[in-house]
Amino acid sequence: MADLDGIAQEEAIVFHDIKDFLEQNASSALAHPVEGDTPLLDSALDSFTVLQLMIFLSEKYAFELQADDFVEEHFGTVSTLAKRIVAKRRMS
């Protein structure tokens, strides 16, 4: 149970980092405030902003996203991306 709490805490931290990044760098592209279900793949984010987000997260959390990470299951929303980052960090 403690491990699940730790995972949830990590996901919350990563979520807030993604949220802060998007609010600072892409607020005009997003119609609503950034929430867990804010879409990433089907949003108005341009490819440059997505690339900047990936660089930011890769540097901050010391991991590298692979091509198979850019699918709806992992990159569909802010929450799914946060979960994927935590899972990848725990795998390494």
PDB file of N, CA and C in Angstrom:
ATOM      1  N   MET A   1       0.819  -1.192   0.000  1.00  0.00           N
ATOM      2  CA  MET A   1       0.000   0.000   0.000  1.00  0.00           C
ATOM      3  C   MET A   1       0.866   1.260   0.000  1.00  0.00           C
ATOM      4  N   ALA A   2       1.949   1.233   0.764  1.00  0.00           N
ATOM      5  CA  ALA A   2       2.833   2.403   0.830  1.00  0.00           C
ATOM      6  C   ALA A   2       3.440   2.695  -0.534  1.00  0.00           C
ATOM      7  N   ASP A   3       3.728   1.628  -1.300  1.00  0.00           N
ATOM      8  CA  ASP A   3       4.297   1.832  -2.630  1.00  0.00           C
ATOM      9  C   ASP A   3       3.294   2.525  -3.552  1.00  0.00           C
ATOM     10  N   LEU A   4       2.026   2.165  -3.436  1.00  0.00           N
ATOM     11  CA  LEU A   4       0.989   2.829  -4.243  1.00  0.00           C
ATOM     12  C   LEU A   4       0.864   4.295  -3.868  1.00  0.00           C
ATOM     13  N   ASP A   5       0.995   4.600  -2.592  1.00  0.00           N
ATOM     14  CA  ASP A   5       0.963   6.003  -2.163  1.00  0.00           C
ATOM     15  C   ASP A   5       2.152   6.760  -2.742  1.00  0.00           C
ATOM     16  N   GLY A   6       3.321   6.115  -2.756  1.00  0.00           N
ATOM     17  CA  GLY A   6       4.518   6.740  -3.323  1.00  0.00           C
ATOM     18  C   GLY A   6       4.358   7.006  -4.812  1.00  0.00           C
ATOM     19  N   ILE A   7       3.780   6.047  -5.517  1.00  0.00           N
ATOM     20  CA  ILE A   7       3.539   6.219  -6.952  1.00  0.00           C
ATOM     21  C   ILE A   7       2.568   7.372  -7.181  1.00  0.00           C
ATOM     22  N   ALA A   8       1.503   7.409  -6.398  1.00  0.00           N
ATOM     23  CA  ALA A   8       0.512   8.485  -6.547  1.00  0.00           C
ATOM     24  C   ALA A   8       1.147   9.844  -6.271  1.00  0.00           C
ATOM     25  N   GLN A   9       2.014   9.921  -5.288  1.00  0.00           N
ATOM     26  CA  GLN A   9       2.689  11.181  -4.985  1.00  0.00           C
ATOM     27  C   GLN A   9       3.618  11.591  -6.123  1.00  0.00           C
ATOM     28  N   GLU A  10       4.363  10.620  -6.663  1.00  0.00           N
ATOM     29  CA  GLU A  10       5.245  10.916  -7.801  1.00  0.00           C
ATOM     30  C   GLU A  10       4.438  11.406  -8.996  1.00  0.00           C
ATOM     31  N   GLU A  11       3.327  10.725  -9.286  1.00  0.00           N
ATOM     32  CA  GLU A  11       2.480  11.131 -10.409  1.00  0.00           C
ATOM     33  C   GLU A  11       1.939  12.539 -10.207  1.00  0.00           C
ATOM     34  N   ALA A  12       1.586  12.891  -8.987  1.00  0.00           N
ATOM     35  CA  ALA A  12       1.077  14.238  -8.706  1.00  0.00           C
ATOM     36  C   ALA A  12       2.160  15.286  -8.948  1.00  0.00           C
ATOM     37  N   ILE A  13       3.380  14.983  -8.563  1.00  0.00           N
ATOM     38  CA  ILE A  13       4.492  15.920  -8.778  1.00  0.00           C
ATOM     39  C   ILE A  13       4.743  16.106 -10.267  1.00  0.00           C
ATOM     40  N   VAL A  14       4.804  14.997 -11.007  1.00  0.00           N
ATOM     41  CA  VAL A  14       5.039  15.074 -12.447  1.00  0.00           C
ATOM     42  C   VAL A  14       3.882  15.798 -13.126  1.00  0.00           C
ATOM     43  N   PHE A  15       2.650  15.493 -12.711  1.00  0.00           N
ATOM     44  CA  PHE A  15       1.477  16.175 -13.262  1.00  0.00           C
ATOM     45  C   PHE A  15       1.626  17.688 -13.108  1.00  0.00           C
ATOM     46  N   HIS A  16       2.005  18.139 -11.927  1.00  0.00           N
ATOM     47  CA  HIS A  16       2.124  19.580 -11.693  1.00  0.00           C
ATOM     48  C   HIS A  16       3.255  20.195 -12.521  1.00  0.00           C
ATOM     49  N   ASP A  17       4.320  19.439 -12.739  1.00  0.00           N
ATOM     50  CA  ASP A  17       5.391  19.949 -13.605  1.00  0.00           C
ATOM     51  C   ASP A  17       4.913  20.102 -15.044  1.00  0.00           C
ATOM     52  N   ILE A  18       4.163  19.115 -15.529  1.00  0.00           N
ATOM     53  CA  ILE A  18       3.604  19.203 -16.889  1.00  0.00           C
ATOM     54  C   ILE A  18       2.620  20.366 -16.965  1.00  0.00           C
ATOM     55  N   LYS A  19       1.747  20.465 -15.980  1.00  0.00           N
ATOM     56  CA  LYS A  19       0.752  21.543 -15.935  1.00  0.00           C
ATOM     57  C   LYS A  19       1.435  22.903 -15.951  1.00  0.00           C
ATOM     58  N   ASP A  20       2.435  23.084 -15.098  1.00  0.00           N
ATOM     59  CA  ASP A  20       3.151  24.367 -15.049  1.00  0.00           C
ATOM     60  C   ASP A  20       3.807  24.681 -16.384  1.00  0.00           C
ATOM     61  N   PHE A  21       4.438  23.678 -16.998  1.00  0.00           N
ATOM     62  CA  PHE A  21       5.080  23.893 -18.291  1.00  0.00           C
ATOM     63  C   PHE A  21       4.062  24.345 -19.329  1.00  0.00           C
ATOM     64  N   LEU A  22       2.945  23.636 -19.411  1.00  0.00           N
ATOM     65  CA  LEU A  22       1.927  23.967 -20.413  1.00  0.00           C
ATOM     66  C   LEU A  22       1.318  25.336 -20.163  1.00  0.00           C
ATOM     67  N   GLU A  23       1.077  25.652 -18.912  1.00  0.00           N
ATOM     68  CA  GLU A  23       0.501  26.965 -18.609  1.00  0.00           C
ATOM     69  C   GLU A  23       1.471  28.098 -18.927  1.00  0.00           C
ATOM     70  N   GLN A  24       2.756  27.859 -18.811  1.00  0.00           N
ATOM     71  CA  GLN A  24       3.749  28.886 -19.113  1.00  0.00           C
ATOM     72  C   GLN A  24       4.072  28.968 -20.604  1.00  0.00           C
ATOM     73  N   ASN A  25       3.969  27.842 -21.311  1.00  0.00           N
ATOM     74  CA  ASN A  25       4.436  27.797 -22.691  1.00  0.00           C
ATOM     75  C   ASN A  25       3.359  27.573 -23.745  1.00  0.00           C
ATOM     76  N   ALA A  26       2.156  27.220 -23.324  1.00  0.00           N
ATOM     77  CA  ALA A  26       1.143  26.886 -24.323  1.00  0.00           C
ATOM     78  C   ALA A  26      -0.262  27.300 -23.912  1.00  0.00           C
ATOM     79  N   SER A  27      -0.376  28.236 -23.004  1.00  0.00           N
ATOM     80  CA  SER A  27      -1.707  28.601 -22.509  1.00  0.00           C
ATOM     81  C   SER A  27      -2.623  29.111 -23.619  1.00  0.00           C
ATOM     82  N   SER A  28      -2.072  29.785 -24.609  1.00  0.00           N
ATOM     83  CA  SER A  28      -2.913  30.294 -25.696  1.00  0.00           C
ATOM     84  C   SER A  28      -3.422  29.178 -26.602  1.00  0.00           C
ATOM     85  N   ALA A  29      -2.747  28.036 -26.622  1.00  0.00           N
ATOM     86  CA  ALA A  29      -3.178  26.920 -27.464  1.00  0.00           C
ATOM     87  C   ALA A  29      -4.237  26.059 -26.783  1.00  0.00           C
ATOM     88  N   LEU A  30      -4.348  26.194 -25.470  1.00  0.00           N
ATOM     89  CA  LEU A  30      -5.289  25.370 -24.723  1.00  0.00           C
ATOM     90  C   LEU A  30      -6.526  26.188 -24.372  1.00  0.00           C
ATOM     91  N   ALA A  31      -7.693  25.622 -24.648  1.00  0.00           N
ATOM     92  CA  ALA A  31      -8.942  26.349 -24.451  1.00  0.00           C
ATOM     93  C   ALA A  31      -9.357  26.420 -22.984  1.00  0.00           C
ATOM     94  N   HIS A  32      -8.890  25.489 -22.185  1.00  0.00           N
ATOM     95  CA  HIS A  32      -9.304  25.405 -20.787  1.00  0.00           C
ATOM     96  C   HIS A  32      -8.072  25.312 -19.889  1.00  0.00           C
ATOM     97  N   PRO A  33      -8.267  25.518 -18.604  1.00  0.00           N
ATOM     98  CA  PRO A  33      -7.146  25.286 -17.686  1.00  0.00           C
ATOM     99  C   PRO A  33      -6.657  23.837 -17.799  1.00  0.00           C
ATOM    100  N   VAL A  34      -5.397  23.634 -17.530  1.00  0.00           N
ATOM    101  CA  VAL A  34      -4.811  22.292 -17.639  1.00  0.00           C
ATOM    102  C   VAL A  34      -5.303  21.436 -16.477  1.00  0.00           C
ATOM    103  N   GLU A  35      -5.909  20.311 -16.819  1.00  0.00           N
ATOM    104  CA  GLU A  35      -6.402  19.327 -15.853  1.00  0.00           C
ATOM    105  C   GLU A  35      -5.828  17.971 -16.219  1.00  0.00           C
ATOM    106  N   GLY A  36      -6.126  16.976 -15.422  1.00  0.00           N
ATOM    107  CA  GLY A  36      -5.636  15.629 -15.696  1.00  0.00           C
ATOM    108  C   GLY A  36      -6.092  15.089 -17.035  1.00  0.00           C
ATOM    109  N   ASP A  37      -7.315  15.452 -17.436  1.00  0.00           N
ATOM    110  CA  ASP A  37      -7.851  14.932 -18.696  1.00  0.00           C
ATOM    111  C   ASP A  37      -7.612  15.865 -19.885  1.00  0.00           C
ATOM    112  N   THR A  38      -6.758  16.873 -19.701  1.00  0.00           N
ATOM    113  CA  THR A  38      -6.419  17.757 -20.824  1.00  0.00           C
ATOM    114  C   THR A  38      -5.717  16.932 -21.895  1.00  0.00           C
ATOM    115  N   PRO A  39      -6.250  16.918 -23.110  1.00  0.00           N
ATOM    116  CA  PRO A  39      -5.633  16.103 -24.171  1.00  0.00           C
ATOM    117  C   PRO A  39      -4.305  16.686 -24.633  1.00  0.00           C
ATOM    118  N   LEU A  40      -3.401  15.797 -24.977  1.00  0.00           N
ATOM    119  CA  LEU A  40      -2.116  16.207 -25.536  1.00  0.00           C
ATOM    120  C   LEU A  40      -2.040  15.885 -27.024  1.00  0.00           C
ATOM    121  N   LEU A  41      -2.420  14.681 -27.406  1.00  0.00           N
ATOM    122  CA  LEU A  41      -2.311  14.278 -28.808  1.00  0.00           C
ATOM    123  C   LEU A  41      -3.320  15.002 -29.688  1.00  0.00           C
ATOM    124  N   ASP A  42      -4.525  15.158 -29.201  1.00  0.00           N
ATOM    125  CA  ASP A  42      -5.581  15.782 -30.005  1.00  0.00           C
ATOM    126  C   ASP A  42      -5.850  17.213 -29.548  1.00  0.00           C
ATOM    127  N   SER A  43      -4.788  17.932 -29.270  1.00  0.00           N
ATOM    128  CA  SER A  43      -4.951  19.303 -28.790  1.00  0.00           C
ATOM    129  C   SER A  43      -4.399  20.274 -29.829  1.00  0.00           C
ATOM    130  N   ALA A  44      -4.447  21.521 -29.477  1.00  0.00           N
ATOM    131  CA  ALA A  44      -3.926  22.559 -30.368  1.00  0.00           C
ATOM    132  C   ALA A  44      -2.432  22.804 -30.155  1.00  0.00           C
ATOM    133  N   LEU A  45      -1.782  21.942 -29.382  1.00  0.00           N
ATOM    134  CA  LEU A  45      -0.344  22.093 -29.174  1.00  0.00           C
ATOM    135  C   LEU A  45       0.384  21.846 -30.487  1.00  0.00           C
ATOM    136  N   ASP A  46       1.309  22.725 -30.804  1.00  0.00           N
ATOM    137  CA  ASP A  46       2.083  22.481 -32.018  1.00  0.00           C
ATOM    138  C   ASP A  46       3.241  21.535 -31.708  1.00  0.00           C
ATOM    139  N   SER A  47       3.841  21.002 -32.740  1.00  0.00           N
ATOM    140  CA  SER A  47       4.899  20.005 -32.559  1.00  0.00           C
ATOM    141  C   SER A  47       6.111  20.575 -31.830  1.00  0.00           C
ATOM    142  N   PHE A  48       6.386  21.859 -31.995  1.00  0.00           N
ATOM    143  CA  PHE A  48       7.510  22.476 -31.309  1.00  0.00           C
ATOM    144  C   PHE A  48       7.270  22.497 -29.796  1.00  0.00           C
ATOM    145  N   THR A  49       6.063  22.813 -29.369  1.00  0.00           N
ATOM    146  CA  THR A  49       5.739  22.835 -27.948  1.00  0.00           C
ATOM    147  C   THR A  49       5.814  21.426 -27.361  1.00  0.00           C
ATOM    148  N   VAL A  50       5.332  20.433 -28.092  1.00  0.00           N
ATOM    149  CA  VAL A  50       5.421  19.047 -27.632  1.00  0.00           C
ATOM    150  C   VAL A  50       6.886  18.648 -27.486  1.00  0.00           C
ATOM    151  N   LEU A  51       7.712  19.018 -28.458  1.00  0.00           N
ATOM    152  CA  LEU A  51       9.145  18.715 -28.384  1.00  0.00           C
ATOM    153  C   LEU A  51       9.781  19.403 -27.174  1.00  0.00           C
ATOM    154  N   GLN A  52       9.448  20.662 -26.950  1.00  0.00           N
ATOM    155  CA  GLN A  52       9.973  21.381 -25.780  1.00  0.00           C
ATOM    156  C   GLN A  52       9.547  20.707 -24.480  1.00  0.00           C
ATOM    157  N   LEU A  53       8.302  20.261 -24.418  1.00  0.00           N
ATOM    158  CA  LEU A  53       7.805  19.562 -23.231  1.00  0.00           C
ATOM    159  C   LEU A  53       8.601  18.287 -22.995  1.00  0.00           C
ATOM    160  N   MET A  54       8.852  17.537 -24.065  1.00  0.00           N
ATOM    161  CA  MET A  54       9.596  16.291 -23.923  1.00  0.00           C
ATOM    162  C   MET A  54      11.038  16.545 -23.476  1.00  0.00           C
ATOM    163  N   ILE A  55      11.650  17.575 -24.004  1.00  0.00           N
ATOM    164  CA  ILE A  55      13.015  17.917 -23.592  1.00  0.00           C
ATOM    165  C   ILE A  55      13.019  18.321 -22.120  1.00  0.00           C
ATOM    166  N   PHE A  56      12.076  19.172 -21.745  1.00  0.00           N
ATOM    167  CA  PHE A  56      11.963  19.606 -20.349  1.00  0.00           C
ATOM    168  C   PHE A  56      11.823  18.404 -19.418  1.00  0.00           C
ATOM    169  N   LEU A  57      10.899  17.497 -19.725  1.00  0.00           N
ATOM    170  CA  LEU A  57      10.657  16.345 -18.862  1.00  0.00           C
ATOM    171  C   LEU A  57      11.835  15.380 -18.864  1.00  0.00           C
ATOM    172  N   SER A  58      12.452  15.181 -20.024  1.00  0.00           N
ATOM    173  CA  SER A  58      13.605  14.282 -20.110  1.00  0.00           C
ATOM    174  C   SER A  58      14.761  14.782 -19.258  1.00  0.00           C
ATOM    175  N   GLU A  59      14.992  16.083 -19.306  1.00  0.00           N
ATOM    176  CA  GLU A  59      16.078  16.655 -18.517  1.00  0.00           C
ATOM    177  C   GLU A  59      15.736  16.653 -17.029  1.00  0.00           C
ATOM    178  N   LYS A  60      14.528  16.999 -16.696  1.00  0.00           N
ATOM    179  CA  LYS A  60      14.122  17.083 -15.283  1.00  0.00           C
ATOM    180  C   LYS A  60      14.100  15.716 -14.615  1.00  0.00           C
ATOM    181  N   TYR A  61      13.629  14.704 -15.338  1.00  0.00           N
ATOM    182  CA  TYR A  61      13.447  13.383 -14.746  1.00  0.00           C
ATOM    183  C   TYR A  61      14.437  12.339 -15.250  1.00  0.00           C
ATOM    184  N   ALA A  62      15.408  12.741 -16.041  1.00  0.00           N
ATOM    185  CA  ALA A  62      16.501  11.863 -16.502  1.00  0.00           C
ATOM    186  C   ALA A  62      15.990  10.553 -17.116  1.00  0.00           C
ATOM    187  N   PHE A  63      15.197  10.669 -18.146  1.00  0.00           N
ATOM    188  CA  PHE A  63      14.731   9.513 -18.903  1.00  0.00           C
ATOM    189  C   PHE A  63      14.554   9.949 -20.348  1.00  0.00           C
ATOM    190  N   GLU A  64      14.334   8.979 -21.226  1.00  0.00           N
ATOM    191  CA  GLU A  64      14.133   9.288 -22.630  1.00  0.00           C
ATOM    192  C   GLU A  64      12.866   8.610 -23.128  1.00  0.00           C
ATOM    193  N   LEU A  65      11.998   9.395 -23.739  1.00  0.00           N
ATOM    194  CA  LEU A  65      10.804   8.813 -24.341  1.00  0.00           C
ATOM    195  C   LEU A  65      11.177   8.159 -25.666  1.00  0.00           C
ATOM    196  N   GLN A  66      10.567   7.041 -25.926  1.00  0.00           N
ATOM    197  CA  GLN A  66      10.777   6.302 -27.169  1.00  0.00           C
ATOM    198  C   GLN A  66       9.550   6.476 -28.054  1.00  0.00           C
ATOM    199  N   ALA A  67       9.649   6.045 -29.288  1.00  0.00           N
ATOM    200  CA  ALA A  67       8.541   6.185 -30.235  1.00  0.00           C
ATOM    201  C   ALA A  67       7.268   5.523 -29.722  1.00  0.00           C
ATOM    202  N   ASP A  68       7.389   4.389 -29.024  1.00  0.00           N
ATOM    203  CA  ASP A  68       6.194   3.700 -28.531  1.00  0.00           C
ATOM    204  C   ASP A  68       5.528   4.422 -27.355  1.00  0.00           C
ATOM    205  N   ASP A  69       6.148   5.466 -26.847  1.00  0.00           N
ATOM    206  CA  ASP A  69       5.526   6.266 -25.796  1.00  0.00           C
ATOM    207  C   ASP A  69       4.521   7.269 -26.361  1.00  0.00           C
ATOM    208  N   PHE A  70       4.633   7.583 -27.628  1.00  0.00           N
ATOM    209  CA  PHE A  70       3.775   8.597 -28.251  1.00  0.00           C
ATOM    210  C   PHE A  70       2.509   7.978 -28.825  1.00  0.00           C
ATOM    211  N   VAL A  71       1.823   7.224 -27.997  1.00  0.00           N
ATOM    212  CA  VAL A  71       0.545   6.622 -28.366  1.00  0.00           C
ATOM    213  C   VAL A  71      -0.505   7.097 -27.369  1.00  0.00           C
ATOM    214  N   GLU A  72      -1.745   6.989 -27.738  1.00  0.00           N
ATOM    215  CA  GLU A  72      -2.859   7.470 -26.914  1.00  0.00           C
ATOM    216  C   GLU A  72      -2.785   6.933 -25.482  1.00  0.00           C
ATOM    217  N   GLU A  73      -2.431   5.668 -25.342  1.00  0.00           N
ATOM    218  CA  GLU A  73      -2.374   5.037 -24.024  1.00  0.00           C
ATOM    219  C   GLU A  73      -1.437   5.773 -23.064  1.00  0.00           C
ATOM    220  N   HIS A  74      -0.330   6.289 -23.574  1.00  0.00           N
ATOM    221  CA  HIS A  74       0.672   6.936 -22.727  1.00  0.00           C
ATOM    222  C   HIS A  74       0.719   8.446 -22.867  1.00  0.00           C
ATOM    223  N   PHE A  75       0.292   8.976 -23.990  1.00  0.00           N
ATOM    224  CA  PHE A  75       0.472  10.395 -24.285  1.00  0.00           C
ATOM    225  C   PHE A  75      -0.848  11.086 -24.590  1.00  0.00           C
ATOM    226  N   GLY A  76      -1.949  10.425 -24.255  1.00  0.00           N
ATOM    227  CA  GLY A  76      -3.257  10.974 -24.588  1.00  0.00           C
ATOM    228  C   GLY A  76      -3.640  12.198 -23.776  1.00  0.00           C
ATOM    229  N   THR A  77      -3.329  12.176 -22.482  1.00  0.00           N
ATOM    230  CA  THR A  77      -3.693  13.287 -21.603  1.00  0.00           C
ATOM    231  C   THR A  77      -2.515  13.620 -20.693  1.00  0.00           C
ATOM    232  N   VAL A  78      -2.657  14.692 -19.958  1.00  0.00           N
ATOM    233  CA  VAL A  78      -1.627  15.075 -19.003  1.00  0.00           C
ATOM    234  C   VAL A  78      -1.445  13.969 -17.957  1.00  0.00           C
ATOM    235  N   SER A  79      -2.530  13.383 -17.482  1.00  0.00           N
ATOM    236  CA  SER A  79      -2.437  12.313 -16.476  1.00  0.00           C
ATOM    237  C   SER A  79      -1.759  11.062 -17.014  1.00  0.00           C
ATOM    238  N   THR A  80      -2.111  10.652 -18.241  1.00  0.00           N
ATOM    239  CA  THR A  80      -1.482   9.437 -18.774  1.00  0.00           C
ATOM    240  C   THR A  80       0.012   9.660 -19.006  1.00  0.00           C
ATOM    241  N   LEU A  81       0.399  10.864 -19.390  1.00  0.00           N
ATOM    242  CA  LEU A  81       1.822  11.159 -19.569  1.00  0.00           C
ATOM    243  C   LEU A  81       2.542  11.131 -18.226  1.00  0.00           C
ATOM    244  N   ALA A  82       1.941  11.701 -17.200  1.00  0.00           N
ATOM    245  CA  ALA A  82       2.553  11.679 -15.862  1.00  0.00           C
ATOM    246  C   ALA A  82       2.740  10.243 -15.385  1.00  0.00           C
ATOM    247  N   LYS A  83       1.738   9.403 -15.599  1.00  0.00           N
ATOM    248  CA  LYS A  83       1.838   7.994 -15.203  1.00  0.00           C
ATOM    249  C   LYS A  83       2.949   7.287 -15.973  1.00  0.00           C
ATOM    250  N   ARG A  84       3.061   7.562 -17.260  1.00  0.00           N
ATOM    251  CA  ARG A  84       4.093   6.924 -18.080  1.00  0.00           C
ATOM    252  C   ARG A  84       5.486   7.321 -17.609  1.00  0.00           C
ATOM    253  N   ILE A  85       5.675   8.583 -17.291  1.00  0.00           N
ATOM    254  CA  ILE A  85       6.982   9.050 -16.839  1.00  0.00           C
ATOM    255  C   ILE A  85       7.364   8.364 -15.531  1.00  0.00           C
ATOM    256  N   VAL A  86       6.437   8.290 -14.599  1.00  0.00           N
ATOM    257  CA  VAL A  86       6.725   7.625 -13.328  1.00  0.00           C
ATOM    258  C   VAL A  86       7.031   6.149 -13.562  1.00  0.00           C
ATOM    259  N   ALA A  87       6.262   5.497 -14.413  1.00  0.00           N
ATOM    260  CA  ALA A  87       6.500   4.078 -14.701  1.00  0.00           C
ATOM    261  C   ALA A  87       7.886   3.878 -15.334  1.00  0.00           C
ATOM    262  N   LYS A  88       8.258   4.732 -16.279  1.00  0.00           N
ATOM    263  CA  LYS A  88       9.567   4.589 -16.926  1.00  0.00           C
ATOM    264  C   LYS A  88      10.700   4.828 -15.930  1.00  0.00           C
ATOM    265  N   ARG A  89      10.529   5.783 -15.053  1.00  0.00           N
ATOM    266  CA  ARG A  89      11.566   6.063 -14.040  1.00  0.00           C
ATOM    267  C   ARG A  89      11.703   4.889 -13.084  1.00  0.00           C
ATOM    268  N   ARG A  90      10.621   4.246 -12.748  1.00  0.00           N
ATOM    269  CA  ARG A  90      10.661   3.107 -11.828  1.00  0.00           C
ATOM    270  C   ARG A  90      11.229   1.867 -12.500  1.00  0.00           C
ATOM    271  N   MET A  91      11.139   1.784 -13.822  1.00  0.00           N
ATOM    272  CA  MET A  91      11.698   0.643 -14.556  1.00  0.00           C
ATOM    273  C   MET A  91      13.212   0.712 -14.652  1.00  0.00           C
ATOM    274  N   SER A  92      13.754   1.923 -14.587  1.00  0.00           N
ATOM    275  CA  SER A  92      15.200   2.048 -14.781  1.00  0.00           C
ATOM    276  C   SER A  92      15.978   1.920 -13.498  1.00  0.00           C
TER     277      SER A  92
END
